[in-house]
C-alpha atoms as a PDB file:
ATOM      1  CA  MET A   1     -47.640 -24.766  -2.802  1.00  0.00           C
ATOM      2  CA  PRO A   2     -49.799 -25.799  -5.323  1.00  0.00           C
ATOM      3  CA  ILE A   3     -48.243 -24.392  -7.980  1.00  0.00           C
ATOM      4  CA  SER A   4     -45.621 -26.858  -9.591  1.00  0.00           C
ATOM      5  CA  ARG A   5     -41.972 -25.203  -9.721  1.00  0.00           C
ATOM      6  CA  LYS A   6     -41.691 -25.642 -13.230  1.00  0.00           C
ATOM      7  CA  ASN A   7     -44.450 -23.636 -13.491  1.00  0.00           C
ATOM      8  CA  GLY A   8     -43.449 -20.988 -10.770  1.00  0.00           C
ATOM      9  CA  ILE A   9     -39.934 -20.439 -12.495  1.00  0.00           C
ATOM     10  CA  TYR A  10     -41.484 -20.185 -15.659  1.00  0.00           C
ATOM     11  CA  LEU A  11     -43.850 -17.497 -14.168  1.00  0.00           C
ATOM     12  CA  PHE A  12     -41.076 -15.598 -12.073  1.00  0.00           C
ATOM     13  CA  GLY A  13     -38.704 -16.014 -14.998  1.00  0.00           C
ATOM     14  CA  ALA A  14     -41.456 -14.110 -17.406  1.00  0.00           C
ATOM     15  CA  LEU A  15     -41.865 -11.675 -14.409  1.00  0.00           C
ATOM     16  CA  MET A  16     -38.488 -10.634 -13.771  1.00  0.00           C
ATOM     17  CA  MET A  17     -37.426 -10.612 -17.580  1.00  0.00           C
ATOM     18  CA  SER A  18     -40.687  -7.948 -18.112  1.00  0.00           C
ATOM     19  CA  GLY A  19     -41.086  -6.312 -14.862  1.00  0.00           C
ATOM     20  CA  MET A  20     -38.257  -6.473 -12.036  1.00  0.00           C
ATOM     21  CA  THR A  21     -36.084  -3.615 -12.735  1.00  0.00           C
ATOM     22  CA  LEU A  22     -39.304  -1.592 -14.946  1.00  0.00           C
ATOM     23  CA  SER A  23     -39.594   1.035 -12.163  1.00  0.00           C
ATOM     24  CA  ALA A  24     -35.767   1.989 -11.899  1.00  0.00           C
ATOM     25  CA  SER A  25     -36.933   5.587 -12.953  1.00  0.00           C
ATOM     26  CA  ALA A  26     -39.914   5.149 -10.236  1.00  0.00           C
ATOM     27  CA  ALA A  27     -37.837   7.134  -7.938  1.00  0.00           C
ATOM     28  CA  GLU A  28     -38.256   9.857  -9.794  1.00  0.00           C
ATOM     29  CA  PRO A  29     -41.976  10.790  -8.738  1.00  0.00           C
ATOM     30  CA  ALA A  30     -40.286  10.122  -5.150  1.00  0.00           C
ATOM     31  CA  ALA A  31     -37.939  12.694  -5.909  1.00  0.00           C
ATOM     32  CA  ALA A  32     -40.146  15.421  -7.400  1.00  0.00           C
ATOM     33  CA  PRO A  33     -41.872  16.294  -4.223  1.00  0.00           C
ATOM     34  CA  VAL A  34     -38.566  16.914  -2.605  1.00  0.00           C
ATOM     35  CA  ILE A  35     -37.658  19.540  -5.375  1.00  0.00           C
ATOM     36  CA  PRO A  36     -40.034  22.638  -4.238  1.00  0.00           C
ATOM     37  CA  SER A  37     -39.424  21.571  -0.300  1.00  0.00           C
ATOM     38  CA  ALA A  38     -35.816  22.224  -1.147  1.00  0.00           C
ATOM     39  CA  THR A  39     -36.297  25.349  -2.906  1.00  0.00           C
ATOM     40  CA  ALA A  40     -38.300  26.478   0.285  1.00  0.00           C
ATOM     41  CA  PRO A  41     -35.385  26.905   2.372  1.00  0.00           C
ATOM     42  CA  VAL A  42     -33.316  28.677  -0.132  1.00  0.00           C
ATOM     43  CA  ALA A  43     -36.257  31.213  -0.074  1.00  0.00           C
ATOM     44  CA  ALA A  44     -36.153  31.817   3.441  1.00  0.00           C
ATOM     45  CA  SER A  45     -32.534  32.104   3.792  1.00  0.00           C
ATOM     46  CA  ALA A  46     -33.162  35.341   1.657  1.00  0.00           C
ATOM     47  CA  ALA A  47     -35.340  36.941   3.915  1.00  0.00           C
ATOM     48  CA  PRO A  48     -32.452  36.412   7.062  1.00  0.00           C
ATOM     49  CA  VAL A  49     -30.147  38.049   4.750  1.00  0.00           C
ATOM     50  CA  PRO A  50     -30.020  41.327   7.580  1.00  0.00           C
ATOM     51  CA  ALA A  51     -28.761  38.861   9.983  1.00  0.00           C
ATOM     52  CA  PRO A  52     -25.350  38.798   8.789  1.00  0.00           C
ATOM     53  CA  ALA A  53     -25.590  42.432   9.596  1.00  0.00           C
ATOM     54  CA  PRO A  54     -25.487  42.949  13.284  1.00  0.00           C
ATOM     55  CA  ALA A  55     -22.612  40.332  13.236  1.00  0.00           C
ATOM     56  CA  MET A  56     -20.282  43.201  11.263  1.00  0.00           C
ATOM     57  CA  THR A  57     -21.724  45.690  13.984  1.00  0.00           C
ATOM     58  CA  ALA A  58     -20.595  43.754  16.565  1.00  0.00           C
ATOM     59  CA  GLU A  59     -17.039  43.033  15.290  1.00  0.00           C
ATOM     60  CA  LYS A  60     -16.758  47.165  14.516  1.00  0.00           C
ATOM     61  CA  THR A  61     -17.756  47.802  18.121  1.00  0.00           C
ATOM     62  CA  PRO A  62     -14.556  45.697  19.539  1.00  0.00           C
ATOM     63  CA  GLU A  63     -12.314  47.779  17.302  1.00  0.00           C
ATOM     64  CA  ALA A  64     -12.750  50.715  18.725  1.00  0.00           C
ATOM     65  CA  VAL A  65     -12.018  49.120  22.240  1.00  0.00           C
ATOM     66  CA  PRO A  66      -8.531  48.709  22.995  1.00  0.00           C
ATOM     67  CA  ALA A  67      -6.112  45.778  21.270  1.00  0.00           C
ATOM     68  CA  GLU A  68      -7.694  43.412  23.332  1.00  0.00           C
ATOM     69  CA  THR A  69     -10.478  42.317  21.136  1.00  0.00           C
ATOM     70  CA  PRO A  70      -9.414  41.998  17.760  1.00  0.00           C
ATOM     71  CA  VAL A  71      -8.027  38.655  19.013  1.00  0.00           C
ATOM     72  CA  LYS A  72     -11.427  37.362  19.693  1.00  0.00           C
ATOM     73  CA  ALA A  73     -12.842  38.783  15.995  1.00  0.00           C
ATOM     74  CA  PRO A  74     -11.221  36.303  13.964  1.00  0.00           C
ATOM     75  CA  VAL A  75     -12.429  33.149  16.620  1.00  0.00           C
ATOM     76  CA  ALA A  76     -16.569  34.245  16.006  1.00  0.00           C
ATOM     77  CA  ALA A  77     -15.539  34.310  11.975  1.00  0.00           C
ATOM     78  CA  PRO A  78     -15.324  30.566  11.369  1.00  0.00           C
ATOM     79  CA  ALA A  79     -18.089  29.517  12.801  1.00  0.00           C
ATOM     80  CA  PRO A  80     -20.601  30.960  10.869  1.00  0.00           C
ATOM     81  CA  GLU A  81     -18.860  29.810   7.245  1.00  0.00           C
ATOM     82  CA  GLN A  82     -18.925  25.959   8.954  1.00  0.00           C
ATOM     83  CA  THR A  83     -22.975  25.518   9.619  1.00  0.00           C
ATOM     84  CA  PRO A  84     -24.534  26.438   6.022  1.00  0.00           C
ATOM     85  CA  VAL A  85     -22.333  23.448   4.766  1.00  0.00           C
ATOM     86  CA  ALA A  86     -24.297  20.691   6.715  1.00  0.00           C
ATOM     87  CA  PRO A  87     -27.456  21.268   4.992  1.00  0.00           C
ATOM     88  CA  ALA A  88     -25.695  20.600   1.296  1.00  0.00           C
ATOM     89  CA  LYS A  89     -24.260  17.515   2.255  1.00  0.00           C
ATOM     90  CA  GLN A  90     -27.836  16.033   3.238  1.00  0.00           C
ATOM     91  CA  GLU A  91     -29.031  16.214  -0.317  1.00  0.00           C
ATOM     92  CA  PRO A  92     -28.742  12.872  -1.672  1.00  0.00           C
ATOM     93  CA  ALA A  93     -31.037  11.376   0.787  1.00  0.00           C
ATOM     94  CA  LYS A  94     -34.071  12.935  -1.605  1.00  0.00           C
ATOM     95  CA  ASN A  95     -34.140   9.807  -3.483  1.00  0.00           C
ATOM     96  CA  VAL A  96     -34.189   7.062  -0.864  1.00  0.00           C
ATOM     97  CA  ILE A  97     -37.074   4.551  -1.479  1.00  0.00           C
ATOM     98  CA  PRO A  98     -38.222   2.759   1.489  1.00  0.00           C
ATOM     99  CA  GLU A  99     -38.153  -0.956   1.156  1.00  0.00           C
ATOM    100  CA  ASP A 100     -40.444  -2.077   3.112  1.00  0.00           C
ATOM    101  CA  VAL A 101     -44.451  -2.727   1.255  1.00  0.00           C
ATOM    102  CA  THR A 102     -47.340  -0.317   2.911  1.00  0.00           C
ATOM    103  CA  ASP A 103     -51.003   0.522   1.531  1.00  0.00           C
ATOM    104  CA  GLU A 104     -49.368   3.890   0.283  1.00  0.00           C
ATOM    105  CA  SER A 105     -46.488   2.102  -1.815  1.00  0.00           C
ATOM    106  CA  ILE A 106     -48.825  -0.296  -3.355  1.00  0.00           C
ATOM    107  CA  LYS A 107     -51.390   2.780  -3.791  1.00  0.00           C
ATOM    108  CA  ALA A 108     -48.528   4.342  -5.208  1.00  0.00           C
ATOM    109  CA  ALA A 109     -47.221   1.941  -7.517  1.00  0.00           C
ATOM    110  CA  GLY A 110     -50.887   1.205  -9.144  1.00  0.00           C
ATOM    111  CA  ILE A 111     -52.133  -1.858  -7.345  1.00  0.00           C
ATOM    112  CA  ALA A 112     -55.372  -2.170  -6.093  1.00  0.00           C
ATOM    113  CA  PRO A 113     -56.115  -4.315  -3.356  1.00  0.00           C
ATOM    114  CA  ALA A 114     -58.678  -7.300  -4.869  1.00  0.00           C
ATOM    115  CA  PRO A 115     -62.136  -6.073  -2.835  1.00  0.00           C
ATOM    116  CA  ALA A 116     -64.064  -9.373  -1.524  1.00  0.00           C
ATOM    117  CA  GLN A 117     -66.671  -9.070  -3.925  1.00  0.00           C
ATOM    118  CA  MET A 118     -64.200  -9.863  -6.449  1.00  0.00           C
ATOM    119  CA  LEU A 119     -63.433 -13.294  -5.469  1.00  0.00           C
ATOM    120  CA  ASP A 120     -67.109 -14.407  -5.854  1.00  0.00           C
ATOM    121  CA  SER A 121     -66.248 -16.582  -8.873  1.00  0.00           C
ATOM    122  CA  GLU A 122     -64.471 -19.912  -9.145  1.00  0.00           C
ATOM    123  CA  GLU A 123     -62.388 -17.983 -11.998  1.00  0.00           C
ATOM    124  CA  GLN A 124     -61.884 -14.981 -10.403  1.00  0.00           C
ATOM    125  CA  LYS A 125     -60.603 -16.806  -7.079  1.00  0.00           C
ATOM    126  CA  ARG A 126     -58.630 -18.780  -9.596  1.00  0.00           C
ATOM    127  CA  ALA A 127     -56.409 -15.527 -10.794  1.00  0.00           C
ATOM    128  CA  TYR A 128     -56.432 -14.593  -7.229  1.00  0.00           C
ATOM    129  CA  ALA A 129     -54.844 -17.724  -6.083  1.00  0.00           C
ATOM    130  CA  SER A 130     -52.529 -17.912  -8.866  1.00  0.00           C
ATOM    131  CA  GLY A 131     -51.311 -13.951  -7.854  1.00  0.00           C
ATOM    132  CA  VAL A 132     -50.815 -14.997  -4.184  1.00  0.00           C
ATOM    133  CA  MET A 133     -48.706 -18.250  -5.257  1.00  0.00           C
ATOM    134  CA  LEU A 134     -46.590 -15.821  -7.926  1.00  0.00           C
ATOM    135  CA  ALA A 135     -45.819 -13.753  -4.890  1.00  0.00           C
ATOM    136  CA  HIS A 136     -44.944 -16.412  -2.354  1.00  0.00           C
ATOM    137  CA  PHE A 137     -42.673 -17.650  -5.220  1.00  0.00           C
ATOM    138  CA  ILE A 138     -40.972 -13.913  -5.296  1.00  0.00           C
ATOM    139  CA  GLU A 139     -40.777 -13.821  -1.953  1.00  0.00           C
ATOM    140  CA  GLU A 140     -38.865 -17.060  -1.854  1.00  0.00           C
ATOM    141  CA  GLN A 141     -36.152 -15.784  -4.602  1.00  0.00           C
ATOM    142  CA  LEU A 142     -36.141 -12.586  -2.779  1.00  0.00           C
ATOM    143  CA  ALA A 143     -35.093 -14.050   0.336  1.00  0.00           C
ATOM    144  CA  ASN A 144     -32.304 -16.474  -1.829  1.00  0.00           C
ATOM    145  CA  GLN A 145     -30.734 -13.622  -3.193  1.00  0.00           C
ATOM    146  CA  LYS A 146     -30.791 -11.716   0.266  1.00  0.00           C
ATOM    147  CA  SER A 147     -28.292 -14.553   1.385  1.00  0.00           C
ATOM    148  CA  LEU A 148     -26.195 -13.556  -1.274  1.00  0.00           C
ATOM    149  CA  HIS A 149     -26.288  -9.988   0.110  1.00  0.00           C
ATOM    150  CA  ILE A 150     -28.401  -8.856  -2.918  1.00  0.00           C
ATOM    151  CA  THR A 151     -31.291  -6.504  -2.120  1.00  0.00           C
ATOM    152  CA  LEU A 152     -34.007  -5.592  -4.444  1.00  0.00           C
ATOM    153  CA  ASN A 153     -36.370  -3.059  -3.418  1.00  0.00           C
ATOM    154  CA  LYS A 154     -40.075  -4.254  -2.909  1.00  0.00           C
ATOM    155  CA  ASN A 155     -41.666  -1.102  -4.091  1.00  0.00           C
ATOM    156  CA  ILE A 156     -39.783  -0.936  -7.023  1.00  0.00           C
ATOM    157  CA  LEU A 157     -40.385  -4.491  -8.149  1.00  0.00           C
ATOM    158  CA  LEU A 158     -44.114  -3.531  -7.678  1.00  0.00           C
ATOM    159  CA  ALA A 159     -43.942  -0.569  -9.597  1.00  0.00           C
ATOM    160  CA  GLY A 160     -42.447  -2.593 -12.426  1.00  0.00           C
ATOM    161  CA  ILE A 161     -45.107  -4.649 -11.787  1.00  0.00           C
ATOM    162  CA  ALA A 162     -47.477  -2.399 -12.379  1.00  0.00           C
ATOM    163  CA  ASP A 163     -46.019  -0.793 -15.582  1.00  0.00           C
ATOM    164  CA  THR A 164     -45.877  -4.066 -17.261  1.00  0.00           C
ATOM    165  CA  PHE A 165     -49.764  -4.749 -16.881  1.00  0.00           C
ATOM    166  CA  ALA A 166     -50.014  -0.898 -17.445  1.00  0.00           C
ATOM    167  CA  HIS A 167     -47.634  -0.921 -20.740  1.00  0.00           C
ATOM    168  CA  GLN A 168     -45.773   2.035 -19.243  1.00  0.00           C
ATOM    169  CA  VAL A 169     -42.511   0.610 -18.931  1.00  0.00           C
ATOM    170  CA  LYS A 170     -39.755   2.783 -18.249  1.00  0.00           C
ATOM    171  CA  MET A 171     -36.649   0.622 -20.009  1.00  0.00           C
ATOM    172  CA  SER A 172     -36.046  -0.022 -23.456  1.00  0.00           C
ATOM    173  CA  ASP A 173     -36.512  -3.964 -24.366  1.00  0.00           C
ATOM    174  CA  GLU A 174     -32.431  -3.984 -25.108  1.00  0.00           C
ATOM    175  CA  ASP A 175     -31.659  -2.093 -21.278  1.00  0.00           C
ATOM    176  CA  ILE A 176     -34.239  -4.953 -19.579  1.00  0.00           C
ATOM    177  CA  ARG A 177     -31.843  -7.211 -21.382  1.00  0.00           C
ATOM    178  CA  VAL A 178     -28.676  -5.898 -20.740  1.00  0.00           C
ATOM    179  CA  THR A 179     -29.458  -4.753 -16.673  1.00  0.00           C
ATOM    180  CA  MET A 180     -30.823  -8.761 -16.345  1.00  0.00           C
ATOM    181  CA  SER A 181     -27.626 -10.496 -17.875  1.00  0.00           C
ATOM    182  CA  THR A 182     -25.558  -8.471 -15.670  1.00  0.00           C
ATOM    183  CA  PHE A 183     -27.413  -9.468 -12.658  1.00  0.00           C
ATOM    184  CA  ASP A 184     -27.485 -12.795 -13.649  1.00  0.00           C
ATOM    185  CA  GLU A 185     -23.901 -13.140 -13.921  1.00  0.00           C
ATOM    186  CA  GLN A 186     -23.585 -11.678 -10.730  1.00  0.00           C
ATOM    187  CA  VAL A 187     -25.699 -13.785  -9.107  1.00  0.00           C
ATOM    188  CA  LYS A 188     -24.195 -17.117 -10.456  1.00  0.00           C
ATOM    189  CA  VAL A 189     -20.356 -15.272  -9.231  1.00  0.00           C
ATOM    190  CA  LEU A 190     -21.734 -15.025  -5.783  1.00  0.00           C
ATOM    191  CA  THR A 191     -23.556 -18.551  -5.498  1.00  0.00           C
ATOM    192  CA  GLN A 192     -20.479 -20.256  -6.869  1.00  0.00           C
ATOM    193  CA  ALA A 193     -18.352 -18.406  -3.837  1.00  0.00           C
ATOM    194  CA  GLN A 194     -21.066 -19.337  -1.594  1.00  0.00           C
ATOM    195  CA  ASN A 195     -21.100 -23.001  -2.630  1.00  0.00           C
ATOM    196  CA  GLU A 196     -17.934 -22.811  -2.028  1.00  0.00           C
ATOM    197  CA  LYS A 197     -17.903 -21.551   1.320  1.00  0.00           C
ATOM    198  CA  LYS A 198     -20.635 -24.189   2.668  1.00  0.00           C
ATOM    199  CA  GLN A 199     -18.655 -26.961   0.899  1.00  0.00           C
ATOM    200  CA  ALA A 200     -14.975 -26.130   3.247  1.00  0.00           C
ATOM    201  CA  GLN A 201     -17.116 -25.769   6.289  1.00  0.00           C
ATOM    202  CA  GLU A 202     -19.587 -29.726   5.187  1.00  0.00           C
ATOM    203  CA  LYS A 203     -16.327 -31.124   4.687  1.00  0.00           C
ATOM    204  CA  ALA A 204     -14.650 -29.844   7.969  1.00  0.00           C
ATOM    205  CA  TYR A 205     -17.617 -30.975   9.387  1.00  0.00           C
ATOM    206  CA  VAL A 206     -17.758 -34.496   7.929  1.00  0.00           C
ATOM    207  CA  ASP A 207     -13.910 -34.766   9.007  1.00  0.00           C
ATOM    208  CA  ALA A 208     -14.417 -33.524  12.603  1.00  0.00           C
ATOM    209  CA  PHE A 209     -17.330 -36.292  12.781  1.00  0.00           C
ATOM    210  CA  ALA A 210     -15.576 -39.062  11.431  1.00  0.00           C
ATOM    211  CA  LYS A 211     -12.821 -38.772  13.612  1.00  0.00           C
ATOM    212  CA  ARG A 212     -14.853 -39.070  16.930  1.00  0.00           C
ATOM    213  CA  GLU A 213     -14.602 -41.647  18.916  1.00  0.00           C
ATOM    214  CA  GLY A 214     -17.065 -44.225  18.020  1.00  0.00           C
ATOM    215  CA  VAL A 215     -17.885 -43.515  14.755  1.00  0.00           C
ATOM    216  CA  LYS A 216     -18.238 -45.828  12.440  1.00  0.00           C
ATOM    217  CA  LYS A 217     -19.192 -45.883   8.795  1.00  0.00           C
ATOM    218  CA  THR A 218     -21.670 -48.152   6.624  1.00  0.00           C
ATOM    219  CA  LYS A 219     -21.026 -49.855   3.464  1.00  0.00           C
ATOM    220  CA  GLN A 220     -23.015 -46.849   1.595  1.00  0.00           C
ATOM    221  CA  GLY A 221     -20.332 -44.236   3.312  1.00  0.00           C
ATOM    222  CA  LEU A 222     -22.655 -42.983   5.576  1.00  0.00           C
ATOM    223  CA  LEU A 223     -21.312 -42.274   8.829  1.00  0.00           C
ATOM    224  CA  TYR A 224     -22.972 -43.064  12.101  1.00  0.00           C
ATOM    225  CA  PHE A 225     -22.912 -42.638  16.064  1.00  0.00           C
ATOM    226  CA  ILE A 226     -24.640 -44.630  18.726  1.00  0.00           C
ATOM    227  CA  ASP A 227     -25.373 -42.241  21.489  1.00  0.00           C
ATOM    228  CA  ASN A 228     -27.294 -44.771  22.976  1.00  0.00           C
ATOM    229  CA  LYS A 229     -27.874 -48.347  21.924  1.00  0.00           C
ATOM    230  CA  GLY A 230     -31.280 -48.714  23.682  1.00  0.00           C
ATOM    231  CA  ASP A 231     -32.706 -52.334  24.881  1.00  0.00           C
ATOM    232  CA  GLY A 232     -34.725 -55.824  23.484  1.00  0.00           C
ATOM    233  CA  PRO A 233     -34.379 -57.456  20.617  1.00  0.00           C
ATOM    234  CA  ALA A 234     -33.042 -56.510  17.303  1.00  0.00           C
ATOM    235  CA  LEU A 235     -35.369 -55.063  14.888  1.00  0.00           C
ATOM    236  CA  LYS A 236     -36.956 -56.755  12.064  1.00  0.00           C
ATOM    237  CA  ASP A 237     -38.608 -55.702   8.668  1.00  0.00           C
ATOM    238  CA  THR A 238     -42.120 -56.858  10.011  1.00  0.00           C
ATOM    239  CA  ASP A 239     -41.829 -55.100  13.523  1.00  0.00           C
ATOM    240  CA  MET A 240     -44.274 -51.432  13.884  1.00  0.00           C
ATOM    241  CA  VAL A 241     -41.813 -49.087  15.364  1.00  0.00           C
ATOM    242  CA  GLN A 242     -42.912 -45.408  16.743  1.00  0.00           C
ATOM    243  CA  VAL A 243     -39.794 -43.307  15.957  1.00  0.00           C
ATOM    244  CA  ASN A 244     -38.945 -39.773  16.168  1.00  0.00           C
ATOM    245  CA  TYR A 245     -36.402 -38.210  13.553  1.00  0.00           C
ATOM    246  CA  LYS A 246     -35.235 -35.228  12.510  1.00  0.00           C
ATOM    247  CA  GLY A 247     -32.813 -34.330   9.429  1.00  0.00           C
ATOM    248  CA  THR A 248     -30.547 -30.557   9.489  1.00  0.00           C
ATOM    249  CA  LEU A 249     -28.185 -29.203   7.653  1.00  0.00           C
ATOM    250  CA  VAL A 250     -24.804 -28.066   8.948  1.00  0.00           C
ATOM    251  CA  ASP A 251     -25.989 -24.763   9.528  1.00  0.00           C
ATOM    252  CA  GLY A 252     -28.847 -26.365  11.532  1.00  0.00           C
ATOM    253  CA  THR A 253     -31.826 -25.884   8.674  1.00  0.00           C
ATOM    254  CA  VAL A 254     -34.414 -28.667   8.978  1.00  0.00           C
ATOM    255  CA  VAL A 255     -34.626 -30.077   5.843  1.00  0.00           C
ATOM    256  CA  ASP A 256     -36.415 -34.081   7.137  1.00  0.00           C
ATOM    257  CA  ALA A 257     -38.803 -34.269  10.245  1.00  0.00           C
ATOM    258  CA  PRO A 258     -42.342 -35.322  11.020  1.00  0.00           C
ATOM    259  CA  LYS A 259     -45.096 -32.742  10.073  1.00  0.00           C
ATOM    260  CA  ILE A 260     -46.173 -32.318  13.568  1.00  0.00           C
ATOM    261  CA  ASP A 261     -43.093 -30.747  15.441  1.00  0.00           C
ATOM    262  CA  ASN A 262     -41.902 -33.055  18.257  1.00  0.00           C
ATOM    263  CA  ALA A 263     -44.095 -35.626  17.184  1.00  0.00           C
ATOM    264  CA  ASN A 264     -43.367 -39.311  16.660  1.00  0.00           C
ATOM    265  CA  GLU A 265     -44.436 -41.211  13.622  1.00  0.00           C
ATOM    266  CA  ILE A 266     -45.403 -45.143  13.392  1.00  0.00           C
ATOM    267  CA  PHE A 267     -43.707 -47.282  10.349  1.00  0.00           C
ATOM    268  CA  ARG A 268     -43.463 -50.815   9.220  1.00  0.00           C
ATOM    269  CA  VAL A 269     -39.425 -51.030   9.623  1.00  0.00           C
ATOM    270  CA  ALA A 270     -39.904 -52.521   6.146  1.00  0.00           C
ATOM    271  CA  ASN A 271     -41.705 -49.892   4.726  1.00  0.00           C
ATOM    272  CA  MET A 272     -39.314 -46.788   5.967  1.00  0.00           C
ATOM    273  CA  PRO A 273     -36.617 -44.555   3.580  1.00  0.00           C
ATOM    274  CA  PRO A 274     -33.529 -46.347   3.273  1.00  0.00           C
ATOM    275  CA  VAL A 275     -31.858 -43.864   5.725  1.00  0.00           C
ATOM    276  CA  LEU A 276     -33.926 -44.086   8.620  1.00  0.00           C
ATOM    277  CA  ARG A 277     -34.729 -47.953   8.168  1.00  0.00           C
ATOM    278  CA  ASP A 278     -30.885 -48.727   8.180  1.00  0.00           C
ATOM    279  CA  SER A 279     -30.334 -46.638  11.003  1.00  0.00           C
ATOM    280  CA  VAL A 280     -33.264 -47.935  13.275  1.00  0.00           C
ATOM    281  CA  LYS A 281     -31.290 -51.500  12.749  1.00  0.00           C
ATOM    282  CA  LEU A 282     -28.153 -50.552  14.249  1.00  0.00           C
ATOM    283  CA  ILE A 283     -30.247 -49.748  17.644  1.00  0.00           C
ATOM    284  CA  ARG A 284     -32.748 -50.984  19.714  1.00  0.00           C
ATOM    285  CA  LYS A 285     -36.135 -49.746  21.677  1.00  0.00           C
ATOM    286  CA  GLY A 286     -35.082 -46.537  23.655  1.00  0.00           C
ATOM    287  CA  GLY A 287     -31.941 -45.966  21.279  1.00  0.00           C
ATOM    288  CA  GLN A 288     -30.924 -43.190  19.634  1.00  0.00           C
ATOM    289  CA  ILE A 289     -28.048 -42.688  16.880  1.00  0.00           C
ATOM    290  CA  THR A 290     -26.947 -40.177  14.853  1.00  0.00           C
ATOM    291  CA  VAL A 291     -26.177 -40.554  11.119  1.00  0.00           C
ATOM    292  CA  VAL A 292     -23.972 -38.112   8.845  1.00  0.00           C
ATOM    293  CA  ILE A 293     -25.027 -38.455   4.959  1.00  0.00           C
ATOM    294  CA  PRO A 294     -21.783 -37.166   2.887  1.00  0.00           C
ATOM    295  CA  PRO A 295     -23.197 -35.877  -0.403  1.00  0.00           C
ATOM    296  CA  ALA A 296     -20.679 -38.651  -2.277  1.00  0.00           C
ATOM    297  CA  THR A 297     -23.454 -41.098  -1.021  1.00  0.00           C
ATOM    298  CA  LEU A 298     -26.693 -38.834  -2.258  1.00  0.00           C
ATOM    299  CA  GLU A 299     -27.446 -40.676  -5.206  1.00  0.00           C
ATOM    300  CA  LYS A 300     -27.194 -44.585  -3.145  1.00  0.00           C
ATOM    301  CA  ALA A 301     -29.525 -42.911  -0.092  1.00  0.00           C
ATOM    302  CA  LYS A 302     -32.539 -42.570  -1.829  1.00  0.00           C
ATOM    303  CA  ASP A 303     -35.844 -42.326  -0.281  1.00  0.00           C
ATOM    304  CA  ALA A 304     -39.041 -44.180  -0.489  1.00  0.00           C
ATOM    305  CA  LYS A 305     -39.857 -41.896  -4.271  1.00  0.00           C
ATOM    306  CA  GLY A 306     -36.523 -42.841  -5.380  1.00  0.00           C
ATOM    307  CA  GLU A 307     -35.650 -39.146  -4.762  1.00  0.00           C
ATOM    308  CA  SER A 308     -31.993 -38.451  -3.830  1.00  0.00           C
ATOM    309  CA  PRO A 309     -31.918 -35.868  -0.693  1.00  0.00           C
ATOM    310  CA  LEU A 310     -30.675 -32.643  -1.016  1.00  0.00           C
ATOM    311  CA  ASN A 311     -27.227 -32.088  -2.618  1.00  0.00           C
ATOM    312  CA  THR A 312     -25.428 -31.345   0.529  1.00  0.00           C
ATOM    313  CA  VAL A 313     -24.521 -32.851   4.312  1.00  0.00           C
ATOM    314  CA  VAL A 314     -27.490 -33.876   6.337  1.00  0.00           C
ATOM    315  CA  ILE A 315     -27.347 -35.059   9.711  1.00  0.00           C
ATOM    316  CA  TYR A 316     -30.296 -37.262  10.913  1.00  0.00           C
ATOM    317  CA  THR A 317     -30.844 -37.738  14.667  1.00  0.00           C
ATOM    318  CA  ILE A 318     -33.092 -41.025  15.196  1.00  0.00           C
ATOM    319  CA  SER A 319     -34.874 -42.540  18.362  1.00  0.00           C
ATOM    320  CA  VAL A 320     -36.774 -45.569  18.644  1.00  0.00           C
ATOM    321  CA  VAL A 321     -39.394 -44.727  20.992  1.00  0.00           C
ATOM    322  CA  ASP A 322     -41.402 -47.893  20.732  1.00  0.00           C
ATOM    323  CA  VAL A 323     -41.503 -51.018  19.099  1.00  0.00           C
ATOM    324  CA  ASN A 324     -44.604 -53.355  18.607  1.00  0.00           C
ATOM    325  CA  GLN A 325     -43.655 -56.409  17.650  1.00  0.00           C
ATOM    326  CA  PRO A 326     -46.198 -58.961  15.915  1.00  0.00           C
ATOM    327  CA  GLN A 327     -47.160 -62.150  17.706  1.00  0.00           C
END
């Protein structure tokens, strides 16, 4: 993304503090139209009042008959008493607001899509692009929260944004502060629990990998297993190599790979990122190696830019497809 993460976080923080939960009362307009429809059935039920009358006459006629039918009359009585209970239980569903954003929900929030003619000037394009990037950042945050089993209604979030720009915020500053403070604490607790679970899974994976027959450990603490040694001479720093590689987390999430899926990349061995360089030197042309990087070694395993990988276990599978040795 062109926008820096630092600026994105600032924008999102400002947005969340001013508008994320502002339209909690936006559910009120959605409930308002339902009230007339709820009263309509009440008026309709007044008309069928005579309906019980035939039921009463039906009960009286059997009383004139000998003592066989009085036993059936009490059986029919409970049924009419149970049927009216069902509609009353459906009342709470009135205030449910759909989570999916649609054209209708955008209009309801007071947000109009930008017409094409609004994007003629460079200034307009910048404003629109900034809005798109901010929306992408919000989507990313919502996805992260969803992984913690926290779901925010996008339509209410949109209403909060619209109300903020329209200066019609439906929560006081104090309510916003208390709500977001409580929300932050909840996120911290859930994030800590999630991290502890992830660390336990990673430790179990590393321990199991270390116990595999043939697994070795480098001086830096990296664990590796040579799936296939390959053929030919050992690689030198001056060699040009065609490599296929993929770095994943324990759960399979890809965090590093060639820009084009299933493509190979060409490096001079000396210019390769440290993890790749040290790994390919352990195999030959046609060889493949699996490398597991424990978090304890992350400070030592830096890439070409001097940046450390994620603070988590990373698993690399590296294959040397071809080697071009200078003459």
